[in-house]
């Protein structure tokens, strides 16, 4: 009798875990990979897409900002650990030693970002080089991380951030890599990037 109850609990636990996994794969993950983006924005080809032809990660996040493009652009120009920060959760970033501070104003000496410059994420991690800049339109960093502005009208802007990544785990460590990539990196990236979008929105609208 006890064995039957034990087997029943194990079966219930397994079914619950399988259900949670299915919900994440088919509902939660598609939602957080496309948070805020329209179907058109998800499907459109953007500069930097060519850097990763067959991405394992293809996230497109977006937000509407009630400010003109020229009021949003300066906040993008000064991103970086040693510049204006990333307008996200600094307390989380600093838990892993980022020493991050978010700017709440436009700093003139941080407005000169150009191709070849380095954008730091962490003082001890390799920075990302700026691969392309189109004034008031686009900034593309290494690893296919891009920031794009689309004017809706003279007082409204869509900010789109797209990240594409690839990984090729060897067979021995395939499961571990999938768990780390899908189960940890992707959700963490979404949490931080969503707050970044909201942080830029709040700052740009306050100066519009």
N, C-alpha and C. Protein backbone atom coordinates (compact mmCIF):
# COMPACT_ATOMS: atom_id res chain seq x y z
N UNK A 1 0.83 -1.21 0.00
CA UNK A 1 0.00 0.00 0.00
C UNK A 1 0.86 1.26 0.00
N UNK A 2 1.89 1.25 0.89
CA UNK A 2 2.80 2.39 0.94
C UNK A 2 3.53 2.58 -0.38
N UNK A 3 3.92 1.43 -0.99
CA UNK A 3 4.64 1.52 -2.27
C UNK A 3 3.76 2.17 -3.33
N UNK A 4 2.47 1.83 -3.32
CA UNK A 4 1.55 2.42 -4.31
C UNK A 4 1.43 3.93 -4.10
N UNK A 5 1.31 4.34 -2.82
CA UNK A 5 1.23 5.77 -2.54
C UNK A 5 2.50 6.50 -2.96
N UNK A 6 3.65 5.84 -2.67
CA UNK A 6 4.93 6.44 -3.05
C UNK A 6 5.03 6.58 -4.55
N UNK A 7 4.64 5.52 -5.28
CA UNK A 7 4.67 5.57 -6.73
C UNK A 7 3.72 6.64 -7.26
N UNK A 8 2.57 6.77 -6.61
CA UNK A 8 1.61 7.78 -7.02
C UNK A 8 2.16 9.20 -6.86
N UNK A 9 2.87 9.42 -5.74
CA UNK A 9 3.47 10.73 -5.52
C UNK A 9 4.55 11.03 -6.55
N UNK A 10 5.36 10.01 -6.84
CA UNK A 10 6.41 10.20 -7.83
C UNK A 10 5.82 10.51 -9.19
N UNK A 11 4.74 9.79 -9.55
CA UNK A 11 4.09 10.03 -10.83
C UNK A 11 3.49 11.44 -10.86
N UNK A 12 2.85 11.85 -9.76
CA UNK A 12 2.29 13.19 -9.69
C UNK A 12 3.35 14.27 -9.82
N UNK A 13 4.47 14.04 -9.15
CA UNK A 13 5.57 15.00 -9.24
C UNK A 13 6.13 15.09 -10.65
N UNK A 14 6.29 13.93 -11.29
CA UNK A 14 6.81 13.90 -12.65
C UNK A 14 5.86 14.60 -13.61
N UNK A 15 4.56 14.34 -13.46
CA UNK A 15 3.59 14.99 -14.33
C UNK A 15 3.55 16.50 -14.10
N UNK A 16 3.67 16.90 -12.83
CA UNK A 16 3.69 18.33 -12.53
C UNK A 16 4.90 19.01 -13.14
N UNK A 17 6.06 18.36 -13.03
CA UNK A 17 7.28 18.91 -13.61
C UNK A 17 7.18 18.99 -15.13
N UNK A 18 6.62 17.94 -15.73
CA UNK A 18 6.46 17.93 -17.18
C UNK A 18 5.51 19.04 -17.62
N UNK A 19 4.43 19.25 -16.84
CA UNK A 19 3.49 20.31 -17.17
C UNK A 19 4.12 21.69 -17.06
N UNK A 20 4.91 21.90 -16.00
CA UNK A 20 5.58 23.18 -15.82
C UNK A 20 6.58 23.44 -16.95
N UNK A 21 7.31 22.39 -17.35
CA UNK A 21 8.27 22.53 -18.43
C UNK A 21 7.57 22.87 -19.74
N UNK A 22 6.45 22.18 -20.01
CA UNK A 22 5.70 22.44 -21.24
C UNK A 22 5.15 23.86 -21.25
N UNK A 23 4.67 24.33 -20.10
CA UNK A 23 4.13 25.68 -20.01
C UNK A 23 5.22 26.72 -20.29
N UNK A 24 6.43 26.46 -19.76
CA UNK A 24 7.52 27.39 -20.00
C UNK A 24 7.92 27.40 -21.47
N UNK A 25 8.07 26.21 -22.05
CA UNK A 25 8.55 26.10 -23.43
C UNK A 25 7.56 26.70 -24.42
N UNK A 26 6.28 26.44 -24.22
CA UNK A 26 5.28 26.82 -25.23
C UNK A 26 4.55 28.13 -24.92
N UNK A 27 4.61 28.60 -23.67
CA UNK A 27 3.89 29.82 -23.32
C UNK A 27 4.81 30.92 -22.80
N UNK A 28 5.55 30.63 -21.75
CA UNK A 28 6.34 31.66 -21.09
C UNK A 28 7.51 32.11 -21.96
N UNK A 29 8.27 31.15 -22.51
CA UNK A 29 9.45 31.53 -23.29
C UNK A 29 9.09 32.34 -24.53
N UNK A 30 8.12 31.93 -25.34
CA UNK A 30 7.75 32.77 -26.50
C UNK A 30 7.30 34.17 -26.08
N UNK A 31 6.64 34.27 -24.93
CA UNK A 31 6.20 35.58 -24.45
C UNK A 31 7.38 36.46 -24.09
N UNK A 32 8.34 35.94 -23.30
CA UNK A 32 9.42 36.81 -22.87
C UNK A 32 10.44 37.08 -23.97
N UNK A 33 10.50 36.23 -24.99
CA UNK A 33 11.42 36.51 -26.11
C UNK A 33 10.90 37.62 -27.02
N UNK A 34 9.62 37.93 -26.93
CA UNK A 34 9.03 38.93 -27.83
C UNK A 34 8.28 40.02 -27.06
N UNK A 35 8.63 40.22 -25.81
CA UNK A 35 7.90 41.15 -24.96
C UNK A 35 7.82 42.54 -25.59
N UNK A 36 6.60 43.05 -25.71
CA UNK A 36 6.38 44.41 -26.20
C UNK A 36 6.46 44.60 -27.69
N UNK A 37 6.96 43.62 -28.42
CA UNK A 37 7.18 43.78 -29.87
C UNK A 37 5.94 43.39 -30.67
N UNK A 38 5.71 44.09 -31.77
CA UNK A 38 4.63 43.74 -32.68
C UNK A 38 5.09 42.62 -33.60
N UNK A 39 4.14 41.99 -34.29
CA UNK A 39 4.50 40.94 -35.25
C UNK A 39 5.44 41.49 -36.32
N UNK A 40 5.19 42.72 -36.76
CA UNK A 40 6.05 43.32 -37.78
C UNK A 40 7.47 43.49 -37.27
N UNK A 41 7.61 43.95 -36.03
CA UNK A 41 8.94 44.17 -35.46
C UNK A 41 9.68 42.86 -35.24
N UNK A 42 8.94 41.82 -34.88
CA UNK A 42 9.57 40.52 -34.67
C UNK A 42 10.11 39.96 -35.98
N UNK A 43 9.37 40.17 -37.07
CA UNK A 43 9.73 39.58 -38.35
C UNK A 43 10.72 40.42 -39.15
N UNK A 44 10.81 41.70 -38.87
CA UNK A 44 11.65 42.56 -39.71
C UNK A 44 13.13 42.23 -39.55
N UNK A 45 13.86 42.41 -40.64
CA UNK A 45 15.31 42.25 -40.62
C UNK A 45 15.95 43.54 -40.15
N UNK A 46 16.84 43.43 -39.18
CA UNK A 46 17.48 44.60 -38.61
C UNK A 46 19.00 44.49 -38.74
N UNK A 47 19.71 45.62 -38.77
CA UNK A 47 21.17 45.56 -38.81
C UNK A 47 21.71 44.74 -37.65
N UNK A 48 22.67 43.88 -37.97
CA UNK A 48 23.26 43.00 -36.96
C UNK A 48 22.73 41.59 -37.00
N UNK A 49 21.57 41.38 -37.65
CA UNK A 49 21.02 40.03 -37.76
C UNK A 49 21.99 39.09 -38.47
N UNK A 50 22.73 39.65 -39.42
CA UNK A 50 23.63 38.82 -40.22
C UNK A 50 24.80 38.27 -39.41
N UNK A 51 25.04 38.80 -38.22
CA UNK A 51 26.15 38.34 -37.39
C UNK A 51 25.93 36.94 -36.85
N UNK A 52 24.65 36.56 -36.69
CA UNK A 52 24.31 35.21 -36.21
C UNK A 52 23.24 34.66 -37.15
N UNK A 53 23.65 33.82 -38.08
CA UNK A 53 22.73 33.36 -39.12
C UNK A 53 21.68 32.40 -38.60
N UNK A 54 22.07 31.52 -37.67
CA UNK A 54 21.14 30.52 -37.14
C UNK A 54 21.11 30.61 -35.61
N UNK A 55 20.43 31.62 -35.09
CA UNK A 55 20.49 31.88 -33.65
C UNK A 55 19.73 30.86 -32.81
N UNK A 56 20.32 30.48 -31.70
CA UNK A 56 19.62 29.69 -30.70
C UNK A 56 18.77 30.61 -29.83
N UNK A 57 19.19 31.86 -29.72
CA UNK A 57 18.43 32.89 -29.03
C UNK A 57 18.13 33.99 -30.02
N UNK A 58 16.85 34.37 -30.12
CA UNK A 58 16.44 35.46 -31.00
C UNK A 58 15.36 36.25 -30.27
N UNK A 59 15.79 37.22 -29.49
CA UNK A 59 14.87 37.99 -28.66
C UNK A 59 14.68 39.38 -29.23
N UNK A 60 13.42 39.79 -29.38
CA UNK A 60 13.09 41.13 -29.83
C UNK A 60 12.14 41.74 -28.81
N UNK A 61 12.60 42.77 -28.12
CA UNK A 61 11.81 43.47 -27.11
C UNK A 61 11.60 44.91 -27.56
N UNK A 62 10.47 45.49 -27.20
CA UNK A 62 10.18 46.84 -27.67
C UNK A 62 9.26 47.56 -26.70
N UNK A 63 9.25 48.89 -26.83
CA UNK A 63 8.39 49.72 -25.98
C UNK A 63 8.08 51.01 -26.72
N UNK A 64 6.92 51.58 -26.42
CA UNK A 64 6.54 52.88 -26.97
C UNK A 64 6.94 53.97 -25.99
N UNK A 65 7.63 54.97 -26.48
CA UNK A 65 8.08 56.09 -25.65
C UNK A 65 7.40 57.36 -26.13
N UNK A 66 6.77 58.06 -25.23
CA UNK A 66 6.07 59.29 -25.57
C UNK A 66 7.05 60.46 -25.57
N UNK A 67 7.95 60.39 -26.51
CA UNK A 67 8.97 61.42 -26.69
C UNK A 67 9.51 61.28 -28.12
N UNK A 68 9.96 62.37 -28.72
CA UNK A 68 10.53 62.28 -30.07
C UNK A 68 11.87 61.55 -30.07
N UNK A 69 12.25 61.09 -31.23
CA UNK A 69 13.50 60.32 -31.37
C UNK A 69 14.69 61.07 -30.80
N UNK A 70 14.76 62.38 -31.05
CA UNK A 70 15.94 63.13 -30.60
C UNK A 70 16.04 63.23 -29.08
N UNK A 71 14.96 62.93 -28.37
CA UNK A 71 15.02 62.91 -26.92
C UNK A 71 15.38 61.53 -26.37
N UNK A 72 15.23 60.51 -27.18
CA UNK A 72 15.55 59.14 -26.76
C UNK A 72 17.01 58.81 -27.08
N UNK A 73 17.46 59.23 -28.23
CA UNK A 73 18.78 58.89 -28.74
C UNK A 73 19.92 59.17 -27.75
N UNK A 74 19.97 60.34 -27.09
CA UNK A 74 21.10 60.60 -26.19
C UNK A 74 21.23 59.59 -25.06
N UNK A 75 20.11 59.02 -24.62
CA UNK A 75 20.20 58.02 -23.54
C UNK A 75 20.86 56.74 -24.03
N UNK A 76 20.65 56.40 -25.30
CA UNK A 76 21.30 55.21 -25.86
C UNK A 76 22.79 55.45 -26.05
N UNK A 77 23.17 56.66 -26.45
CA UNK A 77 24.58 56.94 -26.71
C UNK A 77 25.46 56.76 -25.48
N UNK A 78 24.90 56.92 -24.30
CA UNK A 78 25.75 56.88 -23.11
C UNK A 78 25.63 55.59 -22.31
N UNK A 79 25.14 54.51 -22.95
CA UNK A 79 25.09 53.23 -22.24
C UNK A 79 26.51 52.71 -21.98
N UNK A 80 26.64 51.93 -20.95
CA UNK A 80 27.93 51.33 -20.64
C UNK A 80 28.22 51.36 -19.14
N UNK A 81 28.92 50.36 -18.67
CA UNK A 81 29.21 50.24 -17.24
C UNK A 81 29.99 51.44 -16.72
N UNK A 82 30.90 51.97 -17.52
CA UNK A 82 31.72 53.09 -17.09
C UNK A 82 31.19 54.43 -17.61
N UNK A 83 29.95 54.40 -18.10
CA UNK A 83 29.33 55.62 -18.63
C UNK A 83 27.98 55.83 -17.90
N UNK A 84 26.89 55.76 -18.63
CA UNK A 84 25.59 56.03 -18.03
C UNK A 84 24.86 54.83 -17.49
N UNK A 85 25.51 53.67 -17.52
CA UNK A 85 24.87 52.44 -17.07
C UNK A 85 23.93 51.88 -18.12
N UNK A 86 23.03 51.00 -17.69
CA UNK A 86 22.06 50.38 -18.61
C UNK A 86 20.63 50.62 -18.17
N UNK A 87 20.43 51.50 -17.19
CA UNK A 87 19.09 51.92 -16.76
C UNK A 87 18.24 50.74 -16.27
N UNK A 88 18.89 49.72 -15.75
CA UNK A 88 18.18 48.54 -15.30
C UNK A 88 18.34 48.41 -13.78
N UNK A 89 18.31 47.19 -13.28
CA UNK A 89 18.41 46.95 -11.84
C UNK A 89 19.88 46.95 -11.40
N UNK A 90 20.36 48.08 -10.95
CA UNK A 90 21.78 48.15 -10.57
C UNK A 90 22.09 47.25 -9.38
N UNK A 91 21.12 47.04 -8.49
CA UNK A 91 21.40 46.22 -7.32
C UNK A 91 21.66 44.77 -7.72
N UNK A 92 20.99 44.31 -8.79
CA UNK A 92 21.26 42.97 -9.30
C UNK A 92 22.61 42.93 -10.03
N UNK A 93 22.86 43.95 -10.84
CA UNK A 93 24.14 44.00 -11.57
C UNK A 93 25.32 44.06 -10.59
N UNK A 94 25.14 44.81 -9.53
CA UNK A 94 26.24 44.96 -8.57
C UNK A 94 26.44 43.74 -7.68
N UNK A 95 25.45 42.87 -7.62
CA UNK A 95 25.63 41.61 -6.90
C UNK A 95 26.72 40.76 -7.55
N UNK A 96 26.91 40.94 -8.85
CA UNK A 96 27.96 40.17 -9.56
C UNK A 96 29.15 41.06 -9.89
N UNK A 97 29.28 42.17 -9.16
CA UNK A 97 30.49 42.97 -9.26
C UNK A 97 30.55 43.95 -10.42
N UNK A 98 29.42 44.35 -10.96
CA UNK A 98 29.44 45.25 -12.12
C UNK A 98 29.84 46.69 -11.76
N UNK A 99 29.65 47.07 -10.50
CA UNK A 99 29.92 48.45 -10.08
C UNK A 99 29.19 49.42 -11.00
N UNK A 100 27.89 49.20 -11.15
CA UNK A 100 27.06 49.94 -12.10
C UNK A 100 26.36 51.12 -11.43
N UNK A 101 26.29 52.21 -12.16
CA UNK A 101 25.52 53.38 -11.74
C UNK A 101 24.74 53.88 -12.94
N UNK A 102 23.46 54.12 -12.74
CA UNK A 102 22.62 54.62 -13.83
C UNK A 102 22.54 56.14 -13.82
N UNK A 103 22.77 56.74 -14.98
CA UNK A 103 22.67 58.19 -15.10
C UNK A 103 21.21 58.61 -15.18
N UNK A 104 20.89 59.73 -14.57
CA UNK A 104 19.56 60.31 -14.66
C UNK A 104 19.58 61.64 -15.39
N UNK A 105 20.68 61.89 -16.10
CA UNK A 105 20.77 63.09 -16.92
C UNK A 105 21.66 62.80 -18.13
N UNK A 106 21.56 63.62 -19.12
CA UNK A 106 22.41 63.50 -20.30
C UNK A 106 23.76 64.14 -19.99
N UNK A 107 24.82 63.38 -20.18
CA UNK A 107 26.18 63.86 -19.90
C UNK A 107 26.88 64.12 -21.24
N UNK A 108 27.23 65.37 -21.53
CA UNK A 108 27.79 65.72 -22.84
C UNK A 108 29.01 64.89 -23.25
N UNK A 109 29.90 64.60 -22.30
CA UNK A 109 31.12 63.86 -22.67
C UNK A 109 30.85 62.39 -22.99
N UNK A 110 29.64 61.91 -22.78
CA UNK A 110 29.28 60.54 -23.13
C UNK A 110 28.49 60.46 -24.43
N UNK A 111 28.43 61.56 -25.16
CA UNK A 111 27.60 61.61 -26.37
C UNK A 111 28.40 61.41 -27.65
N UNK A 112 29.62 60.92 -27.52
CA UNK A 112 30.49 60.80 -28.69
C UNK A 112 30.71 59.35 -29.12
N UNK A 113 29.77 58.47 -28.82
CA UNK A 113 29.93 57.05 -29.16
C UNK A 113 30.09 56.88 -30.66
N UNK A 114 31.07 56.04 -31.06
CA UNK A 114 31.33 55.85 -32.49
C UNK A 114 31.76 54.41 -32.75
N UNK A 115 31.77 54.04 -34.02
CA UNK A 115 32.16 52.69 -34.42
C UNK A 115 33.58 52.40 -33.92
N UNK A 116 33.75 51.24 -33.33
CA UNK A 116 35.05 50.84 -32.79
C UNK A 116 35.18 51.08 -31.29
N UNK A 117 34.31 51.93 -30.73
CA UNK A 117 34.35 52.15 -29.29
C UNK A 117 33.93 50.89 -28.54
N UNK A 118 34.31 50.84 -27.27
CA UNK A 118 33.99 49.68 -26.44
C UNK A 118 32.90 50.04 -25.44
N UNK A 119 31.92 49.17 -25.33
CA UNK A 119 30.85 49.33 -24.35
C UNK A 119 31.05 48.24 -23.29
N UNK A 120 31.33 48.68 -22.07
CA UNK A 120 31.64 47.74 -20.99
C UNK A 120 30.37 47.29 -20.29
N UNK A 121 30.31 45.98 -20.00
CA UNK A 121 29.21 45.41 -19.23
C UNK A 121 29.64 45.15 -17.79
N UNK A 122 30.90 44.85 -17.62
CA UNK A 122 31.47 44.48 -16.31
C UNK A 122 32.94 44.87 -16.35
N UNK A 123 33.47 45.42 -15.25
CA UNK A 123 34.87 45.87 -15.28
C UNK A 123 35.89 44.78 -15.54
N UNK A 124 35.51 43.51 -15.32
CA UNK A 124 36.46 42.42 -15.52
C UNK A 124 36.07 41.50 -16.69
N UNK A 125 35.06 41.88 -17.45
CA UNK A 125 34.63 41.07 -18.60
C UNK A 125 34.97 41.83 -19.89
N UNK A 126 35.26 41.10 -20.97
CA UNK A 126 35.57 41.77 -22.24
C UNK A 126 34.42 42.67 -22.68
N UNK A 127 34.73 43.89 -23.11
CA UNK A 127 33.67 44.79 -23.57
C UNK A 127 33.15 44.39 -24.95
N UNK A 128 32.03 45.00 -25.34
CA UNK A 128 31.47 44.80 -26.67
C UNK A 128 31.81 46.00 -27.54
N UNK A 129 32.37 45.75 -28.70
CA UNK A 129 32.70 46.84 -29.62
C UNK A 129 31.45 47.32 -30.35
N UNK A 130 31.44 48.60 -30.64
CA UNK A 130 30.37 49.17 -31.46
C UNK A 130 30.67 48.84 -32.93
N UNK A 131 29.77 48.12 -33.57
CA UNK A 131 29.99 47.71 -34.96
C UNK A 131 29.35 48.66 -35.95
N UNK A 132 28.27 49.31 -35.55
CA UNK A 132 27.58 50.21 -36.48
C UNK A 132 26.77 51.23 -35.70
N UNK A 133 26.71 52.44 -36.25
CA UNK A 133 25.87 53.49 -35.69
C UNK A 133 25.21 54.25 -36.84
N UNK A 134 23.93 54.42 -36.75
CA UNK A 134 23.19 55.30 -37.65
C UNK A 134 22.51 56.34 -36.76
N UNK A 135 22.95 57.60 -36.82
CA UNK A 135 22.45 58.61 -35.89
C UNK A 135 20.93 58.65 -35.78
N UNK A 136 20.48 58.61 -34.54
CA UNK A 136 19.06 58.66 -34.18
C UNK A 136 18.26 57.50 -34.77
N UNK A 137 18.98 56.42 -35.13
CA UNK A 137 18.29 55.25 -35.69
C UNK A 137 18.76 53.93 -35.09
N UNK A 138 20.08 53.73 -35.01
CA UNK A 138 20.54 52.38 -34.63
C UNK A 138 21.94 52.39 -34.02
N UNK A 139 22.13 51.50 -33.05
CA UNK A 139 23.44 51.17 -32.51
C UNK A 139 23.52 49.65 -32.48
N UNK A 140 24.56 49.09 -33.10
CA UNK A 140 24.75 47.64 -33.11
C UNK A 140 26.07 47.31 -32.44
N UNK A 141 25.99 46.44 -31.43
CA UNK A 141 27.18 46.00 -30.71
C UNK A 141 27.55 44.58 -31.12
N UNK A 142 28.77 44.20 -30.77
CA UNK A 142 29.20 42.81 -30.97
C UNK A 142 28.20 41.84 -30.35
N UNK A 143 28.27 40.60 -30.79
CA UNK A 143 27.37 39.54 -30.31
C UNK A 143 25.95 39.76 -30.80
N UNK A 144 25.77 40.66 -31.77
CA UNK A 144 24.45 40.93 -32.35
C UNK A 144 23.46 41.42 -31.31
N UNK A 145 23.84 42.52 -30.64
CA UNK A 145 22.95 43.18 -29.69
C UNK A 145 22.71 44.57 -30.23
N UNK A 146 21.47 44.84 -30.66
CA UNK A 146 21.18 46.09 -31.34
C UNK A 146 20.07 46.90 -30.69
N UNK A 147 20.17 48.23 -30.81
CA UNK A 147 19.20 49.17 -30.28
C UNK A 147 18.70 50.02 -31.44
N UNK A 148 17.39 50.07 -31.63
CA UNK A 148 16.82 50.70 -32.82
C UNK A 148 15.68 51.63 -32.45
N UNK A 149 15.64 52.79 -33.10
CA UNK A 149 14.57 53.75 -32.89
C UNK A 149 13.75 53.89 -34.16
N UNK A 150 12.43 53.85 -34.00
CA UNK A 150 11.51 54.04 -35.12
C UNK A 150 10.50 55.12 -34.73
N UNK A 151 10.53 56.27 -35.43
CA UNK A 151 9.56 57.31 -35.10
C UNK A 151 8.14 56.89 -35.49
N UNK A 152 7.22 57.05 -34.56
CA UNK A 152 5.81 56.80 -34.84
C UNK A 152 5.18 58.09 -35.36
N UNK A 153 5.45 59.17 -34.68
CA UNK A 153 5.09 60.52 -35.13
C UNK A 153 6.09 61.46 -34.49
N UNK A 154 5.85 62.76 -34.56
CA UNK A 154 6.86 63.71 -34.10
C UNK A 154 7.04 63.70 -32.58
N UNK A 155 6.12 63.06 -31.86
CA UNK A 155 6.22 63.02 -30.41
C UNK A 155 6.24 61.61 -29.82
N UNK A 156 6.35 60.61 -30.67
CA UNK A 156 6.29 59.22 -30.19
C UNK A 156 7.33 58.38 -30.90
N UNK A 157 7.99 57.50 -30.14
CA UNK A 157 9.07 56.67 -30.69
C UNK A 157 8.91 55.23 -30.22
N UNK A 158 9.23 54.33 -31.11
CA UNK A 158 9.35 52.92 -30.72
C UNK A 158 10.82 52.60 -30.53
N UNK A 159 11.15 52.07 -29.36
CA UNK A 159 12.51 51.59 -29.08
C UNK A 159 12.48 50.07 -29.15
N UNK A 160 13.32 49.52 -30.01
CA UNK A 160 13.41 48.07 -30.20
C UNK A 160 14.82 47.62 -29.83
N UNK A 161 14.90 46.58 -29.02
CA UNK A 161 16.20 45.97 -28.71
C UNK A 161 16.16 44.52 -29.17
N UNK A 162 17.12 44.15 -30.00
CA UNK A 162 17.19 42.76 -30.47
C UNK A 162 18.52 42.14 -30.08
N UNK A 163 18.44 40.94 -29.54
CA UNK A 163 19.64 40.18 -29.21
C UNK A 163 19.57 38.81 -29.85
N UNK A 164 20.62 38.43 -30.52
CA UNK A 164 20.69 37.11 -31.16
C UNK A 164 21.96 36.42 -30.69
N UNK A 165 21.85 35.14 -30.37
CA UNK A 165 23.02 34.42 -29.88
C UNK A 165 23.02 32.98 -30.35
N UNK A 166 24.17 32.35 -30.24
CA UNK A 166 24.32 30.98 -30.68
C UNK A 166 25.20 30.25 -29.69
N UNK A 167 24.98 28.96 -29.56
CA UNK A 167 25.86 28.14 -28.74
C UNK A 167 25.84 26.73 -29.31
N UNK A 168 26.97 26.08 -29.26
CA UNK A 168 27.12 24.74 -29.82
C UNK A 168 27.73 23.82 -28.77
N UNK A 169 26.94 23.39 -27.81
CA UNK A 169 27.49 22.54 -26.76
C UNK A 169 27.88 21.17 -27.28
N UNK A 170 28.97 20.64 -26.73
CA UNK A 170 29.34 19.28 -27.10
C UNK A 170 28.34 18.31 -26.48
N UNK A 171 28.30 17.12 -27.00
CA UNK A 171 27.28 16.14 -26.60
C UNK A 171 27.34 15.86 -25.10
N UNK A 172 28.55 15.77 -24.56
CA UNK A 172 28.72 15.41 -23.16
C UNK A 172 28.06 16.43 -22.24
N UNK A 173 28.16 17.72 -22.59
CA UNK A 173 27.63 18.77 -21.73
C UNK A 173 26.39 19.44 -22.32
N UNK A 174 25.75 18.79 -23.26
CA UNK A 174 24.62 19.41 -23.96
C UNK A 174 23.50 19.78 -23.00
N UNK A 175 23.11 18.86 -22.13
CA UNK A 175 22.00 19.14 -21.22
C UNK A 175 22.34 20.28 -20.29
N UNK A 176 23.54 20.29 -19.75
CA UNK A 176 23.96 21.36 -18.84
C UNK A 176 23.92 22.70 -19.56
N UNK A 177 24.42 22.75 -20.77
CA UNK A 177 24.43 24.00 -21.53
C UNK A 177 23.02 24.49 -21.83
N UNK A 178 22.14 23.57 -22.17
CA UNK A 178 20.75 23.96 -22.44
C UNK A 178 20.10 24.53 -21.19
N UNK A 179 20.32 23.86 -20.04
CA UNK A 179 19.75 24.34 -18.78
C UNK A 179 20.29 25.73 -18.45
N UNK A 180 21.59 25.92 -18.57
CA UNK A 180 22.18 27.22 -18.25
C UNK A 180 21.70 28.30 -19.21
N UNK A 181 21.64 27.97 -20.51
CA UNK A 181 21.27 28.96 -21.53
C UNK A 181 19.78 29.28 -21.46
N UNK A 182 18.94 28.23 -21.54
CA UNK A 182 17.49 28.41 -21.59
C UNK A 182 16.91 28.74 -20.22
N UNK A 183 17.42 28.07 -19.19
CA UNK A 183 16.79 28.18 -17.88
C UNK A 183 17.30 29.33 -17.03
N UNK A 184 18.51 29.82 -17.31
CA UNK A 184 19.08 30.87 -16.47
C UNK A 184 19.36 32.15 -17.26
N UNK A 185 20.16 32.02 -18.33
CA UNK A 185 20.57 33.23 -19.05
C UNK A 185 19.39 33.94 -19.69
N UNK A 186 18.55 33.21 -20.43
CA UNK A 186 17.44 33.86 -21.15
C UNK A 186 16.49 34.59 -20.22
N UNK A 187 15.97 33.95 -19.14
CA UNK A 187 15.08 34.68 -18.24
C UNK A 187 15.76 35.88 -17.58
N UNK A 188 17.02 35.71 -17.17
CA UNK A 188 17.74 36.81 -16.53
C UNK A 188 17.93 37.97 -17.51
N UNK A 189 18.27 37.64 -18.75
CA UNK A 189 18.44 38.67 -19.78
C UNK A 189 17.14 39.43 -19.99
N UNK A 190 16.03 38.73 -20.04
CA UNK A 190 14.74 39.37 -20.24
C UNK A 190 14.41 40.31 -19.08
N UNK A 191 14.60 39.86 -17.85
CA UNK A 191 14.29 40.69 -16.69
C UNK A 191 15.07 42.00 -16.73
N UNK A 192 16.37 41.91 -17.05
CA UNK A 192 17.21 43.10 -17.06
C UNK A 192 16.89 44.00 -18.25
N UNK A 193 16.65 43.40 -19.41
CA UNK A 193 16.40 44.20 -20.61
C UNK A 193 15.02 44.87 -20.55
N UNK A 194 14.04 44.20 -20.00
CA UNK A 194 12.72 44.82 -19.84
C UNK A 194 12.84 46.07 -18.97
N UNK A 195 13.57 45.97 -17.86
CA UNK A 195 13.74 47.13 -17.00
C UNK A 195 14.54 48.22 -17.70
N UNK A 196 15.47 47.83 -18.56
CA UNK A 196 16.23 48.81 -19.33
C UNK A 196 15.29 49.62 -20.23
N UNK A 197 14.39 48.94 -20.91
CA UNK A 197 13.42 49.62 -21.76
C UNK A 197 12.57 50.59 -20.94
N UNK A 198 12.10 50.12 -19.80
CA UNK A 198 11.28 50.98 -18.94
C UNK A 198 12.09 52.15 -18.39
N UNK A 199 13.36 51.89 -18.07
CA UNK A 199 14.21 52.95 -17.56
C UNK A 199 14.48 54.03 -18.59
N UNK A 200 14.72 53.65 -19.84
CA UNK A 200 14.93 54.62 -20.90
C UNK A 200 13.65 55.40 -21.17
N UNK A 201 12.53 54.69 -21.19
CA UNK A 201 11.23 55.35 -21.39
C UNK A 201 11.00 56.44 -20.34
N UNK A 202 11.21 56.09 -19.09
CA UNK A 202 10.96 57.05 -18.00
C UNK A 202 11.87 58.27 -18.14
N UNK A 203 13.13 58.05 -18.46
CA UNK A 203 14.08 59.16 -18.56
C UNK A 203 13.79 60.03 -19.77
N UNK A 204 13.51 59.42 -20.92
CA UNK A 204 13.25 60.21 -22.13
C UNK A 204 11.97 61.01 -22.01
N UNK A 205 10.95 60.41 -21.43
CA UNK A 205 9.67 61.11 -21.28
C UNK A 205 9.79 62.27 -20.29
N UNK A 206 10.65 62.12 -19.29
CA UNK A 206 10.80 63.18 -18.29
C UNK A 206 11.49 64.39 -18.87
N UNK A 207 12.24 64.22 -19.97
CA UNK A 207 12.95 65.35 -20.58
C UNK A 207 12.29 65.82 -21.87
N UNK A 208 11.21 65.16 -22.28
CA UNK A 208 10.55 65.52 -23.55
C UNK A 208 9.79 66.82 -23.39
